[in-house]
N, C-alpha and C. Protein backbone atom coordinates (compact mmCIF):
# COMPACT_ATOMS: atom_id res chain seq x y z
N MET A 1 -13.13 -9.78 -65.20
CA MET A 1 -12.76 -8.93 -64.39
C MET A 1 -13.53 -8.54 -63.09
N THR A 2 -12.57 -8.60 -62.00
CA THR A 2 -13.28 -8.78 -60.61
C THR A 2 -13.83 -7.74 -60.09
N PRO A 3 -15.02 -7.96 -59.79
CA PRO A 3 -15.88 -6.95 -59.04
C PRO A 3 -15.63 -6.09 -57.77
N LEU A 4 -15.50 -5.06 -58.00
CA LEU A 4 -14.94 -3.74 -57.02
C LEU A 4 -16.44 -3.65 -56.09
N PRO A 5 -15.66 -3.57 -54.66
CA PRO A 5 -16.50 -3.67 -53.25
C PRO A 5 -17.42 -1.81 -53.66
N LEU A 6 -18.91 -1.58 -53.19
CA LEU A 6 -18.90 -0.47 -52.96
C LEU A 6 -19.29 -0.86 -51.58
N LEU A 7 -18.63 0.51 -50.96
CA LEU A 7 -19.22 1.22 -49.45
C LEU A 7 -20.42 1.54 -49.50
N VAL A 8 -21.19 0.95 -48.80
CA VAL A 8 -22.46 1.75 -48.22
C VAL A 8 -22.79 2.60 -47.61
N SER A 9 -23.42 3.47 -47.76
CA SER A 9 -23.61 4.64 -46.44
C SER A 9 -25.14 5.12 -46.37
N ALA A 10 -25.49 5.68 -45.63
CA ALA A 10 -27.26 5.87 -45.58
C ALA A 10 -27.19 8.03 -45.85
N LEU A 11 -27.49 8.25 -46.37
CA LEU A 11 -27.37 9.89 -46.65
C LEU A 11 -29.26 10.01 -46.61
N ALA A 12 -29.98 10.46 -45.54
CA ALA A 12 -31.03 11.09 -45.67
C ALA A 12 -31.83 9.85 -46.45
N GLY A 13 -31.92 8.82 -45.43
CA GLY A 13 -32.84 8.00 -45.79
C GLY A 13 -32.28 7.21 -46.60
N GLN A 14 -31.47 6.94 -47.74
CA GLN A 14 -31.29 6.34 -48.92
C GLN A 14 -30.00 5.85 -48.82
N LEU A 15 -30.27 5.00 -50.00
CA LEU A 15 -29.10 4.15 -49.94
C LEU A 15 -28.26 4.86 -50.73
N CYS A 16 -26.81 5.07 -50.34
CA CYS A 16 -25.48 5.39 -51.25
C CYS A 16 -24.46 4.52 -51.15
N PHE A 17 -23.79 4.49 -52.17
CA PHE A 17 -22.20 4.05 -52.55
C PHE A 17 -21.58 4.80 -52.90
N THR A 18 -19.97 4.54 -52.23
CA THR A 18 -18.85 5.47 -52.53
C THR A 18 -17.90 4.31 -53.23
N PRO A 19 -18.17 4.20 -54.73
CA PRO A 19 -17.15 3.52 -55.21
C PRO A 19 -15.76 3.49 -54.84
N PRO A 20 -14.48 2.51 -54.49
CA PRO A 20 -13.46 2.76 -54.22
C PRO A 20 -12.72 3.22 -55.46
N ASP A 21 -13.24 3.11 -56.78
CA ASP A 21 -12.57 4.42 -57.76
C ASP A 21 -12.76 5.40 -57.92
N GLN A 22 -11.96 5.96 -57.29
CA GLN A 22 -12.27 7.75 -57.03
C GLN A 22 -10.88 8.50 -58.13
N THR A 23 -10.61 7.85 -58.95
CA THR A 23 -9.58 8.54 -59.88
C THR A 23 -10.51 9.68 -61.01
N ALA A 24 -9.86 10.41 -61.81
CA ALA A 24 -10.41 11.31 -62.50
C ALA A 24 -11.00 10.38 -63.65
N GLY A 25 -12.09 10.90 -64.58
CA GLY A 25 -12.38 9.96 -65.98
C GLY A 25 -14.08 9.39 -65.90
N TRP A 26 -14.44 8.77 -66.56
CA TRP A 26 -15.27 8.26 -66.96
C TRP A 26 -15.70 7.06 -65.92
N LYS A 27 -16.82 6.79 -65.81
CA LYS A 27 -17.29 5.69 -64.98
C LYS A 27 -18.66 4.86 -65.50
N ARG A 28 -18.50 3.81 -65.59
CA ARG A 28 -19.89 3.24 -66.03
C ARG A 28 -20.20 2.04 -64.92
N LEU A 29 -21.46 2.31 -64.45
CA LEU A 29 -21.80 1.21 -63.27
C LEU A 29 -23.64 0.59 -63.78
N ASP A 30 -23.48 -0.67 -63.93
CA ASP A 30 -24.83 -1.11 -63.83
C ASP A 30 -25.91 -0.63 -62.96
N ILE A 31 -27.32 0.21 -63.02
CA ILE A 31 -28.11 0.52 -62.55
C ILE A 31 -28.68 -0.72 -61.33
N PRO A 32 -28.96 -0.93 -60.22
CA PRO A 32 -29.16 -1.93 -59.28
C PRO A 32 -30.95 -1.84 -59.21
N ASP A 33 -31.41 -2.92 -59.34
CA ASP A 33 -32.74 -2.45 -59.10
C ASP A 33 -33.35 -2.25 -58.03
N ASP A 34 -32.47 -2.11 -56.88
CA ASP A 34 -32.98 -1.30 -55.40
C ASP A 34 -32.75 0.00 -55.70
N SER A 35 -32.06 0.96 -56.88
CA SER A 35 -31.25 2.17 -56.56
C SER A 35 -31.93 2.50 -58.57
N PRO A 36 -32.86 2.38 -59.21
CA PRO A 36 -32.80 3.19 -60.79
C PRO A 36 -32.67 4.11 -60.80
N ALA A 37 -32.49 5.09 -59.83
CA ALA A 37 -32.51 6.65 -60.07
C ALA A 37 -31.15 6.79 -59.69
N LEU A 38 -30.03 6.31 -59.67
CA LEU A 38 -28.83 5.68 -59.03
C LEU A 38 -27.96 7.78 -60.04
N ALA A 39 -27.43 8.22 -58.92
CA ALA A 39 -26.87 9.29 -59.41
C ALA A 39 -25.97 9.96 -58.86
N ALA A 40 -24.71 10.60 -59.42
CA ALA A 40 -23.89 11.28 -58.61
C ALA A 40 -24.35 12.53 -58.24
N PRO A 41 -23.40 13.48 -57.72
CA PRO A 41 -23.79 15.04 -57.06
C PRO A 41 -24.40 15.45 -58.06
N GLN A 42 -25.08 16.68 -58.57
CA GLN A 42 -25.80 17.32 -59.29
C GLN A 42 -24.66 18.08 -60.50
N ASP A 43 -23.40 18.21 -59.87
CA ASP A 43 -22.30 19.02 -60.67
C ASP A 43 -21.69 18.15 -61.15
N VAL A 44 -21.66 17.16 -61.53
CA VAL A 44 -21.01 16.26 -61.97
C VAL A 44 -21.48 15.66 -63.52
N GLU A 45 -21.17 15.67 -64.25
CA GLU A 45 -21.39 15.09 -65.78
C GLU A 45 -22.07 13.74 -65.86
N GLN A 46 -23.26 13.25 -66.22
CA GLN A 46 -23.44 12.20 -65.81
C GLN A 46 -25.11 11.95 -66.82
N PHE A 47 -25.21 10.44 -66.79
CA PHE A 47 -26.85 10.38 -67.32
C PHE A 47 -27.04 8.90 -67.67
N ARG A 48 -28.11 8.45 -66.99
CA ARG A 48 -28.52 7.15 -67.35
C ARG A 48 -28.96 6.48 -69.01
N VAL A 49 -28.85 5.61 -69.14
CA VAL A 49 -29.20 4.78 -70.37
C VAL A 49 -30.49 4.82 -70.78
N GLY A 50 -31.25 4.95 -71.98
CA GLY A 50 -32.40 4.67 -71.44
C GLY A 50 -33.28 5.80 -70.86
N GLU A 51 -33.08 7.05 -70.36
CA GLU A 51 -34.02 7.92 -69.82
C GLU A 51 -33.06 9.44 -70.17
N ALA A 52 -34.13 10.36 -70.37
CA ALA A 52 -33.34 11.73 -70.66
C ALA A 52 -32.90 12.34 -69.90
N ALA A 53 -31.93 13.09 -70.61
CA ALA A 53 -31.14 13.55 -69.93
C ALA A 53 -30.32 15.10 -70.78
N TRP A 54 -30.29 16.33 -69.96
CA TRP A 54 -29.49 16.74 -70.83
C TRP A 54 -28.43 17.06 -71.22
N LEU A 55 -28.35 17.30 -72.92
CA LEU A 55 -27.28 17.00 -73.27
C LEU A 55 -26.96 18.25 -74.39
N LEU A 56 -25.93 18.76 -73.34
CA LEU A 56 -25.10 20.48 -73.85
C LEU A 56 -23.93 20.25 -75.30
N GLU A 57 -24.45 20.95 -76.38
CA GLU A 57 -23.58 21.21 -77.56
C GLU A 57 -23.35 22.69 -77.83
N ARG A 58 -22.09 22.41 -78.08
CA ARG A 58 -21.53 24.25 -77.97
C ARG A 58 -21.06 23.95 -79.85
N ASN A 59 -21.98 24.12 -80.32
CA ASN A 59 -22.71 23.85 -81.93
C ASN A 59 -21.87 25.74 -82.18
N PRO A 60 -20.82 26.01 -82.99
CA PRO A 60 -20.32 27.08 -83.22
C PRO A 60 -21.61 27.28 -84.35
N SER A 61 -21.98 27.01 -85.25
CA SER A 61 -22.87 27.45 -85.81
C SER A 61 -24.49 27.74 -85.48
N ALA A 62 -24.41 27.43 -84.27
CA ALA A 62 -26.45 28.02 -84.07
C ALA A 62 -25.89 29.30 -83.44
N TYR A 63 -24.73 30.09 -83.12
CA TYR A 63 -25.02 31.55 -83.37
C TYR A 63 -25.24 32.09 -84.93
N GLN A 64 -26.43 32.65 -85.43
CA GLN A 64 -26.15 33.37 -86.60
C GLN A 64 -25.76 34.57 -86.94
N GLY A 65 -25.36 35.68 -85.57
CA GLY A 65 -24.70 37.07 -85.57
C GLY A 65 -26.40 37.97 -84.84
N MET A 66 -25.47 39.10 -85.11
CA MET A 66 -26.44 40.23 -84.59
C MET A 66 -26.67 41.60 -85.70
N SER A 67 -27.71 41.90 -84.93
CA SER A 67 -28.21 42.75 -85.80
C SER A 67 -28.95 44.14 -85.10
N ARG A 68 -28.42 45.54 -85.35
CA ARG A 68 -29.24 46.49 -85.06
C ARG A 68 -30.32 47.16 -85.72
N ASP A 69 -31.65 46.91 -85.42
CA ASP A 69 -32.43 47.24 -86.69
C ASP A 69 -32.89 48.34 -86.03
N HIS A 70 -33.20 48.68 -84.39
CA HIS A 70 -33.18 50.50 -83.72
C HIS A 70 -32.15 50.78 -83.14
N ALA A 71 -32.21 51.91 -83.02
CA ALA A 71 -31.29 52.33 -81.97
C ALA A 71 -31.34 52.39 -80.47
N GLY A 72 -30.38 51.68 -79.91
CA GLY A 72 -30.43 51.45 -78.57
C GLY A 72 -30.80 50.02 -78.01
N GLN A 73 -30.89 49.15 -79.17
CA GLN A 73 -31.49 47.93 -79.53
C GLN A 73 -30.23 46.64 -80.41
N VAL A 74 -29.92 45.73 -79.63
CA VAL A 74 -29.54 45.03 -80.50
C VAL A 74 -30.12 43.31 -80.68
N THR A 75 -30.31 42.81 -81.85
CA THR A 75 -30.82 41.23 -81.65
C THR A 75 -29.43 40.72 -81.84
N PHE A 76 -29.86 39.30 -81.20
CA PHE A 76 -29.11 38.36 -81.56
C PHE A 76 -29.84 37.19 -82.05
N ARG A 77 -28.82 36.17 -83.20
CA ARG A 77 -29.83 35.32 -83.83
C ARG A 77 -29.49 33.55 -83.43
N PHE A 78 -30.07 33.14 -83.08
CA PHE A 78 -29.67 31.78 -82.98
C PHE A 78 -30.35 30.77 -83.65
N GLN A 79 -29.82 29.06 -84.77
CA GLN A 79 -30.46 28.05 -84.98
C GLN A 79 -30.68 27.19 -83.87
N ILE A 80 -31.51 26.49 -83.75
CA ILE A 80 -31.94 25.74 -82.78
C ILE A 80 -31.72 23.94 -83.03
N PRO A 81 -31.18 23.30 -82.89
CA PRO A 81 -31.31 21.55 -83.60
C PRO A 81 -31.87 21.27 -82.68
N ARG A 82 -32.38 20.02 -83.42
CA ARG A 82 -33.81 19.00 -83.29
C ARG A 82 -33.25 18.95 -81.94
N ASP A 83 -34.74 19.13 -81.00
CA ASP A 83 -35.29 18.33 -79.70
C ASP A 83 -34.61 19.78 -78.77
N ALA A 84 -33.88 20.38 -79.07
CA ALA A 84 -33.49 21.61 -78.17
C ALA A 84 -34.32 21.81 -77.02
N ARG A 85 -34.32 22.62 -76.26
CA ARG A 85 -35.17 22.68 -75.10
C ARG A 85 -35.15 24.12 -74.22
N ARG A 86 -33.30 24.21 -74.61
CA ARG A 86 -32.91 25.00 -73.50
C ARG A 86 -31.50 25.74 -74.43
N LEU A 87 -31.38 27.18 -74.26
CA LEU A 87 -30.10 28.09 -74.95
C LEU A 87 -29.81 28.78 -73.43
N ASP A 88 -28.38 28.01 -72.85
CA ASP A 88 -27.90 29.38 -72.16
C ASP A 88 -26.89 30.29 -73.18
N VAL A 89 -26.89 31.76 -72.75
CA VAL A 89 -25.69 32.62 -73.59
C VAL A 89 -25.15 33.53 -72.44
N ARG A 90 -23.88 33.30 -72.51
CA ARG A 90 -23.21 34.33 -72.01
C ARG A 90 -22.27 35.72 -72.65
N PHE A 91 -22.59 36.82 -72.17
CA PHE A 91 -22.06 38.18 -72.36
C PHE A 91 -21.18 38.10 -72.03
N ALA A 92 -20.18 39.05 -72.57
CA ALA A 92 -19.16 39.45 -72.43
C ALA A 92 -18.73 40.46 -71.02
N GLU A 93 -19.72 41.10 -71.08
CA GLU A 93 -19.78 42.11 -69.89
C GLU A 93 -21.36 41.95 -69.56
N ASP A 94 -21.43 42.47 -68.23
CA ASP A 94 -22.69 41.94 -67.45
C ASP A 94 -23.90 43.05 -67.92
N LEU A 95 -25.03 43.04 -68.25
CA LEU A 95 -25.96 43.77 -68.91
C LEU A 95 -26.66 44.52 -68.28
N ARG A 96 -26.28 44.56 -66.74
CA ARG A 96 -26.21 45.96 -65.97
C ARG A 96 -28.07 46.68 -66.34
N GLY A 97 -28.81 45.43 -66.25
CA GLY A 97 -30.15 45.61 -66.11
C GLY A 97 -30.84 46.01 -66.81
N ALA A 98 -30.16 45.91 -68.27
CA ALA A 98 -31.00 46.29 -69.40
C ALA A 98 -31.94 45.03 -69.51
N LYS A 99 -33.23 45.45 -70.14
CA LYS A 99 -34.48 44.84 -70.53
C LYS A 99 -34.04 43.78 -71.85
N VAL A 100 -34.54 42.29 -71.70
CA VAL A 100 -34.32 41.47 -72.48
C VAL A 100 -35.32 41.42 -73.27
N ASP A 101 -35.65 40.70 -74.40
CA ASP A 101 -36.55 39.99 -74.86
C ASP A 101 -36.53 39.00 -75.82
N ALA A 102 -37.26 37.73 -75.80
CA ALA A 102 -36.29 36.78 -76.39
C ALA A 102 -37.62 36.26 -77.03
N VAL A 103 -37.56 35.52 -78.36
CA VAL A 103 -38.61 35.29 -79.19
C VAL A 103 -38.41 33.67 -79.83
N ALA A 104 -39.20 32.34 -79.72
CA ALA A 104 -38.92 31.37 -80.66
C ALA A 104 -39.70 31.12 -81.57
N MET A 105 -39.18 30.74 -83.05
CA MET A 105 -39.84 30.38 -83.78
C MET A 105 -39.82 29.00 -83.83
N ALA A 106 -41.19 28.56 -84.21
CA ALA A 106 -41.85 27.02 -84.51
C ALA A 106 -42.52 26.61 -85.63
N GLY A 107 -42.67 26.25 -86.22
CA GLY A 107 -44.12 25.61 -87.42
C GLY A 107 -44.19 27.30 -88.08
N GLY A 108 -43.20 28.29 -88.15
CA GLY A 108 -43.62 29.27 -88.65
C GLY A 108 -44.53 30.14 -88.00
N ARG A 109 -44.49 30.29 -86.46
CA ARG A 109 -45.32 30.92 -85.23
C ARG A 109 -44.22 31.37 -84.39
N GLN A 110 -44.29 32.45 -84.00
CA GLN A 110 -43.94 32.92 -82.67
C GLN A 110 -43.93 32.90 -81.48
N TYR A 111 -43.31 32.44 -80.40
CA TYR A 111 -43.43 32.65 -78.85
C TYR A 111 -42.66 33.23 -78.39
N ASN A 112 -43.24 34.04 -77.48
CA ASN A 112 -42.25 34.92 -76.40
C ASN A 112 -42.10 34.23 -75.12
N LEU A 113 -41.11 34.26 -74.88
CA LEU A 113 -40.23 33.33 -73.65
C LEU A 113 -39.81 34.18 -72.65
N LEU A 114 -39.27 35.70 -73.51
CA LEU A 114 -38.97 36.79 -72.26
C LEU A 114 -39.72 38.19 -72.67
N ASP A 115 -40.31 38.95 -71.95
CA ASP A 115 -40.88 40.06 -72.77
C ASP A 115 -40.39 41.46 -71.70
N GLY A 116 -39.43 41.97 -71.90
CA GLY A 116 -38.77 43.01 -71.13
C GLY A 116 -38.39 43.01 -69.47
N ARG A 117 -37.67 41.77 -69.59
CA ARG A 117 -36.95 41.01 -68.36
C ARG A 117 -35.60 41.85 -68.53
N ARG A 118 -35.39 42.31 -66.80
CA ARG A 118 -34.25 42.96 -66.50
C ARG A 118 -33.25 42.02 -66.34
N VAL A 119 -31.74 41.71 -66.97
CA VAL A 119 -30.91 41.42 -66.68
C VAL A 119 -29.95 41.61 -66.22
N ALA A 120 -29.15 41.59 -65.10
CA ALA A 120 -27.91 42.29 -64.67
C ALA A 120 -26.94 41.62 -64.77
N ASP A 121 -26.69 40.38 -65.12
CA ASP A 121 -25.55 39.57 -65.23
C ASP A 121 -24.94 39.44 -66.35
N GLN A 122 -23.81 38.33 -66.80
CA GLN A 122 -23.57 37.95 -68.24
C GLN A 122 -24.58 36.63 -68.24
N GLN A 123 -24.78 36.28 -67.24
CA GLN A 123 -25.53 35.06 -68.08
C GLN A 123 -27.24 35.15 -68.11
N LEU A 124 -27.52 34.34 -69.51
CA LEU A 124 -28.93 34.44 -69.86
C LEU A 124 -29.28 33.19 -69.98
N SER A 125 -30.51 32.34 -69.25
CA SER A 125 -30.49 30.79 -69.88
C SER A 125 -32.27 31.37 -70.11
N LEU A 126 -32.27 30.20 -71.41
CA LEU A 126 -33.64 30.30 -71.84
C LEU A 126 -34.27 28.80 -72.00
N GLU A 127 -35.86 28.15 -71.63
CA GLU A 127 -36.21 27.05 -71.73
C GLU A 127 -37.28 27.16 -71.96
N TRP A 128 -37.89 26.09 -72.78
CA TRP A 128 -39.14 26.22 -73.26
C TRP A 128 -39.91 24.65 -73.35
N GLY A 129 -40.93 24.47 -73.49
CA GLY A 129 -41.71 23.39 -73.74
C GLY A 129 -42.13 23.26 -75.20
N VAL A 130 -42.17 24.17 -76.06
CA VAL A 130 -43.03 24.39 -77.39
C VAL A 130 -42.00 23.06 -78.31
N PRO A 131 -42.46 22.38 -78.79
CA PRO A 131 -41.80 21.58 -79.86
C PRO A 131 -41.66 22.11 -81.03
N GLY A 132 -40.31 21.74 -81.80
CA GLY A 132 -40.17 21.98 -83.30
C GLY A 132 -39.08 23.21 -83.09
N VAL A 133 -39.08 23.98 -82.33
CA VAL A 133 -38.04 25.26 -82.34
C VAL A 133 -37.02 25.11 -83.09
N ASP A 134 -36.88 26.28 -83.81
CA ASP A 134 -35.63 25.95 -85.09
C ASP A 134 -35.05 27.38 -84.97
N ALA A 135 -35.50 28.03 -84.68
CA ALA A 135 -35.06 29.70 -84.45
C ALA A 135 -35.20 29.84 -83.37
N LEU A 136 -34.10 30.95 -82.89
CA LEU A 136 -34.26 31.98 -81.32
C LEU A 136 -33.86 33.04 -81.31
N GLU A 137 -34.44 34.31 -81.29
CA GLU A 137 -34.02 35.79 -81.38
C GLU A 137 -34.19 36.21 -79.79
N VAL A 138 -32.72 37.02 -79.35
CA VAL A 138 -32.99 37.54 -78.25
C VAL A 138 -32.32 39.01 -78.28
N THR A 139 -33.30 39.95 -77.74
CA THR A 139 -33.14 41.35 -78.10
C THR A 139 -32.95 42.15 -77.08
N VAL A 140 -31.93 42.61 -77.18
CA VAL A 140 -31.57 43.61 -75.44
C VAL A 140 -31.33 44.85 -75.66
N HIS A 141 -32.17 45.78 -74.88
CA HIS A 141 -32.59 47.26 -74.90
C HIS A 141 -31.25 47.49 -74.16
N GLN A 142 -30.20 48.00 -75.22
CA GLN A 142 -29.27 48.63 -74.13
C GLN A 142 -29.30 50.01 -73.77
N HIS A 143 -29.96 51.07 -73.47
CA HIS A 143 -29.88 52.50 -73.42
C HIS A 143 -28.57 52.92 -72.82
N LEU A 144 -28.12 53.74 -73.32
CA LEU A 144 -27.13 54.23 -72.25
C LEU A 144 -26.14 53.36 -71.94
N ARG A 145 -26.08 52.29 -72.43
CA ARG A 145 -25.27 50.92 -72.00
C ARG A 145 -24.30 50.90 -73.23
N SER A 146 -23.02 49.84 -72.96
CA SER A 146 -22.35 49.82 -73.93
C SER A 146 -23.16 48.65 -74.87
N VAL A 147 -22.83 48.27 -76.06
CA VAL A 147 -23.21 47.39 -77.35
C VAL A 147 -23.24 45.90 -76.27
N PRO A 148 -23.89 45.07 -76.32
CA PRO A 148 -23.69 43.54 -75.69
C PRO A 148 -22.70 42.72 -76.58
N VAL A 149 -21.83 42.01 -76.34
CA VAL A 149 -21.12 41.14 -77.36
C VAL A 149 -21.64 39.96 -76.35
N VAL A 150 -21.76 38.33 -77.47
CA VAL A 150 -21.73 37.45 -77.29
C VAL A 150 -20.71 36.59 -76.87
N ALA A 151 -20.06 36.06 -75.78
CA ALA A 151 -19.17 35.66 -75.84
C ALA A 151 -19.19 33.81 -75.85
N ALA A 152 -20.30 33.46 -75.44
CA ALA A 152 -20.77 31.65 -75.45
C ALA A 152 -21.59 31.74 -75.60
N TRP A 153 -22.33 30.38 -76.30
CA TRP A 153 -23.09 29.68 -75.88
C TRP A 153 -23.57 28.38 -76.09
N THR A 154 -24.34 27.93 -75.26
CA THR A 154 -24.65 26.33 -75.17
C THR A 154 -26.05 26.05 -75.66
N VAL A 155 -26.11 25.15 -76.74
CA VAL A 155 -27.63 24.49 -76.91
C VAL A 155 -27.79 23.30 -76.10
N ALA A 156 -28.96 22.69 -75.12
CA ALA A 156 -29.06 21.67 -74.80
C ALA A 156 -30.50 21.18 -75.13
N ARG A 157 -30.31 19.68 -75.75
CA ARG A 157 -31.10 19.30 -75.76
C ARG A 157 -31.99 18.35 -74.67
N TRP A 158 -32.81 17.92 -74.89
CA TRP A 158 -33.41 16.59 -73.77
C TRP A 158 -33.69 15.27 -74.29
N VAL A 159 -32.62 14.53 -74.39
CA VAL A 159 -32.78 13.04 -74.87
C VAL A 159 -32.05 12.15 -74.18
N ASP A 160 -32.66 10.65 -74.88
CA ASP A 160 -31.57 9.28 -74.62
C ASP A 160 -30.47 9.30 -75.17
N LEU A 161 -29.47 9.33 -74.49
CA LEU A 161 -28.18 9.52 -75.46
C LEU A 161 -27.73 7.81 -76.06
N GLY A 162 -28.30 6.98 -75.15
CA GLY A 162 -28.20 5.83 -76.09
C GLY A 162 -29.17 5.44 -77.26
N ALA A 163 -29.86 6.19 -77.53
CA ALA A 163 -30.79 6.28 -78.89
C ALA A 163 -29.93 7.42 -79.73
N GLU A 164 -28.79 8.22 -79.44
CA GLU A 164 -28.27 8.55 -80.05
C GLU A 164 -26.69 7.66 -80.92
N LEU A 165 -27.47 7.76 -81.86
CA LEU A 165 -26.10 7.04 -82.83
C LEU A 165 -24.61 7.82 -83.43
N ASP A 166 -24.82 9.09 -82.99
CA ASP A 166 -23.11 9.54 -82.95
C ASP A 166 -22.87 9.50 -81.82
N VAL A 167 -23.20 8.81 -80.27
CA VAL A 167 -22.43 8.76 -79.16
C VAL A 167 -21.77 7.62 -79.60
N PRO A 168 -20.76 7.31 -78.90
CA PRO A 168 -19.71 6.20 -78.86
C PRO A 168 -20.53 4.95 -78.37
N PRO A 169 -20.53 3.81 -79.23
CA PRO A 169 -20.86 2.63 -78.40
C PRO A 169 -20.74 2.35 -76.51
N ALA A 170 -19.58 2.62 -76.39
CA ALA A 170 -18.78 2.18 -75.35
C ALA A 170 -19.88 3.16 -74.34
N PHE A 171 -20.66 4.44 -74.76
CA PHE A 171 -21.53 5.06 -73.91
C PHE A 171 -23.06 4.59 -73.90
N ARG A 172 -23.29 3.50 -74.65
CA ARG A 172 -24.69 3.32 -75.01
C ARG A 172 -25.39 1.89 -74.51
N VAL A 173 -24.21 1.57 -73.43
CA VAL A 173 -24.56 0.25 -72.48
C VAL A 173 -26.32 0.35 -71.85
N THR A 174 -27.41 -0.57 -72.33
CA THR A 174 -28.27 -0.52 -71.43
C THR A 174 -28.02 -0.69 -69.88
N ARG A 175 -29.04 0.08 -69.33
CA ARG A 175 -29.30 -0.01 -67.79
C ARG A 175 -27.88 0.21 -66.91
N SER A 176 -27.46 1.14 -67.91
CA SER A 176 -25.97 2.13 -67.21
C SER A 176 -26.34 3.65 -66.60
N LEU A 177 -24.94 3.89 -65.64
CA LEU A 177 -25.08 5.29 -65.14
C LEU A 177 -23.48 5.66 -65.70
N TYR A 178 -23.73 6.56 -66.27
CA TYR A 178 -22.54 6.91 -66.56
C TYR A 178 -22.14 8.19 -66.05
N TYR A 179 -20.70 8.67 -65.27
CA TYR A 179 -20.29 9.42 -64.93
C TYR A 179 -19.07 10.05 -64.88
N ARG A 180 -18.97 11.43 -65.08
CA ARG A 180 -17.57 11.42 -65.42
C ARG A 180 -16.89 12.30 -63.79
N HIS A 181 -16.10 11.36 -63.54
CA HIS A 181 -15.76 11.76 -62.19
C HIS A 181 -14.37 13.09 -62.65
N PRO A 182 -14.77 14.35 -61.20
CA PRO A 182 -13.50 15.28 -61.88
C PRO A 182 -12.25 15.03 -61.01
N GLY A 183 -12.35 14.24 -60.62
CA GLY A 183 -11.38 14.16 -59.47
C GLY A 183 -10.79 14.99 -58.59
N GLY A 184 -9.60 14.73 -57.42
CA GLY A 184 -9.78 15.49 -56.58
C GLY A 184 -10.84 15.74 -55.51
N ARG A 185 -11.77 14.62 -55.33
CA ARG A 185 -12.58 14.61 -54.35
C ARG A 185 -13.16 13.30 -54.50
N THR A 186 -14.44 12.85 -53.21
CA THR A 186 -14.89 11.61 -52.91
C THR A 186 -16.17 11.83 -54.17
N VAL A 187 -16.70 10.62 -55.00
CA VAL A 187 -17.90 11.21 -55.78
C VAL A 187 -18.85 9.72 -55.09
N GLU A 188 -19.88 10.48 -54.25
CA GLU A 188 -20.53 9.42 -53.99
C GLU A 188 -22.10 8.97 -54.73
N LEU A 189 -22.33 8.15 -55.10
CA LEU A 189 -23.55 7.64 -55.95
C LEU A 189 -24.83 7.26 -55.01
N CYS A 190 -26.07 7.95 -55.15
CA CYS A 190 -27.20 7.69 -54.33
C CYS A 190 -28.83 7.81 -55.22
N ASN A 191 -29.49 7.33 -54.78
CA ASN A 191 -30.92 7.13 -55.36
C ASN A 191 -31.36 8.41 -55.39
N LEU A 192 -31.81 9.35 -56.59
CA LEU A 192 -31.78 10.79 -56.83
C LEU A 192 -33.03 10.69 -57.75
N PRO A 193 -34.12 10.04 -57.59
CA PRO A 193 -35.16 10.31 -58.84
C PRO A 193 -35.74 11.86 -59.14
N ALA A 194 -35.48 13.14 -58.21
CA ALA A 194 -35.99 14.01 -58.79
C ALA A 194 -34.76 14.99 -59.83
N GLN A 195 -33.77 13.92 -59.46
CA GLN A 195 -32.28 15.20 -60.30
C GLN A 195 -32.23 14.91 -61.56
N ALA A 196 -32.25 16.15 -62.25
CA ALA A 196 -31.97 16.00 -63.85
C ALA A 196 -31.05 15.93 -63.75
N LEU A 197 -30.21 15.17 -65.06
CA LEU A 197 -28.94 14.70 -65.17
C LEU A 197 -28.37 15.63 -66.54
N THR A 198 -26.88 15.62 -66.68
CA THR A 198 -26.45 17.07 -67.71
C THR A 198 -25.36 16.41 -67.96
N VAL A 199 -24.89 15.85 -69.18
CA VAL A 199 -23.36 15.95 -70.02
C VAL A 199 -23.42 16.71 -71.36
N GLU A 200 -21.87 17.17 -70.91
CA GLU A 200 -21.57 17.71 -72.40
C GLU A 200 -21.09 16.71 -73.69
N ARG A 201 -21.16 17.00 -74.76
CA ARG A 201 -20.94 16.01 -75.97
C ARG A 201 -20.03 15.96 -75.93
N GLY A 202 -18.62 16.97 -76.49
CA GLY A 202 -17.77 17.19 -75.78
C GLY A 202 -16.68 16.55 -75.37
N SER A 203 -17.27 15.83 -74.31
CA SER A 203 -16.51 15.02 -73.24
C SER A 203 -16.78 13.73 -73.34
N LEU A 204 -17.67 13.30 -74.56
CA LEU A 204 -18.18 11.68 -74.42
C LEU A 204 -17.06 10.82 -75.39
N VAL A 205 -15.47 10.68 -74.61
CA VAL A 205 -14.52 10.57 -75.27
C VAL A 205 -13.95 9.46 -74.38
N GLY A 206 -12.69 8.51 -74.86
CA GLY A 206 -12.29 7.40 -74.24
C GLY A 206 -13.23 6.47 -73.83
N LEU A 207 -12.64 5.51 -72.95
CA LEU A 207 -13.10 4.42 -72.61
C LEU A 207 -13.79 4.53 -71.17
N PRO A 208 -14.86 4.47 -70.60
CA PRO A 208 -15.14 4.64 -69.15
C PRO A 208 -14.84 3.35 -68.38
N ALA A 209 -14.42 3.45 -67.07
CA ALA A 209 -13.71 2.21 -66.17
C ALA A 209 -15.13 2.07 -65.75
N SER A 210 -15.12 0.43 -65.76
CA SER A 210 -16.82 -0.43 -65.32
C SER A 210 -16.14 -0.70 -63.93
N ILE A 211 -17.58 -0.17 -63.08
CA ILE A 211 -17.39 -0.69 -61.72
C ILE A 211 -18.81 -1.44 -61.36
N GLN A 212 -18.22 -2.97 -60.88
CA GLN A 212 -19.85 -3.64 -60.53
C GLN A 212 -19.64 -3.80 -58.84
N ARG A 213 -21.19 -4.11 -58.73
CA ARG A 213 -21.45 -4.20 -57.32
C ARG A 213 -21.45 -5.28 -56.99
N ARG A 214 -20.83 -5.42 -55.71
CA ARG A 214 -20.29 -7.30 -55.42
C ARG A 214 -21.81 -7.09 -54.44
N ALA A 215 -22.12 -8.65 -54.77
CA ALA A 215 -23.12 -9.31 -54.16
C ALA A 215 -23.04 -9.40 -52.62
N ARG A 216 -23.46 -8.96 -51.62
CA ARG A 216 -23.49 -9.04 -50.53
C ARG A 216 -24.37 -10.32 -49.80
């Protein structure tokens, strides 16, 4: 395969590349020595093999249901998979300033993540550093409001996808940046060491197109 040239530009004093392949779909690029944190923009699905990234999973069995133990409040229960560190929940409607509690369970102990925080919109994001969390409860105090309904949820694990055996081999080549070009725009790659990378497990399908950096 003939290496494809990469167009070089400067952004905020750092080396950036504009790959000539700007079609939609997964791309793979060898990570160059002079840009070890090569990455696409924040809103693009991506990860580097050998480094941890947010792996988003939409597991239907994670949501264990709801209960109304007391008048004016409802509790939602989630089962948390191995290595998970974040849960994103979207409700069917805005919570309109309802107070929200969140408790994580690990090793038989409880850890408060939220204690009466008021949430105005539909989205609730919870993140924790406690290892071994296997369950989580979210309680919404909906006094004088309609009973909230969970519409969607995503569990995020902080893992090296190259070490996940159920990830297709085509996405586990060492020293590689994988990114999913959304199409309809130009995606530029820059060295961004402070940027956390994110990918959805369900999108890891097909064969990524390889892009190579031509020697200068």
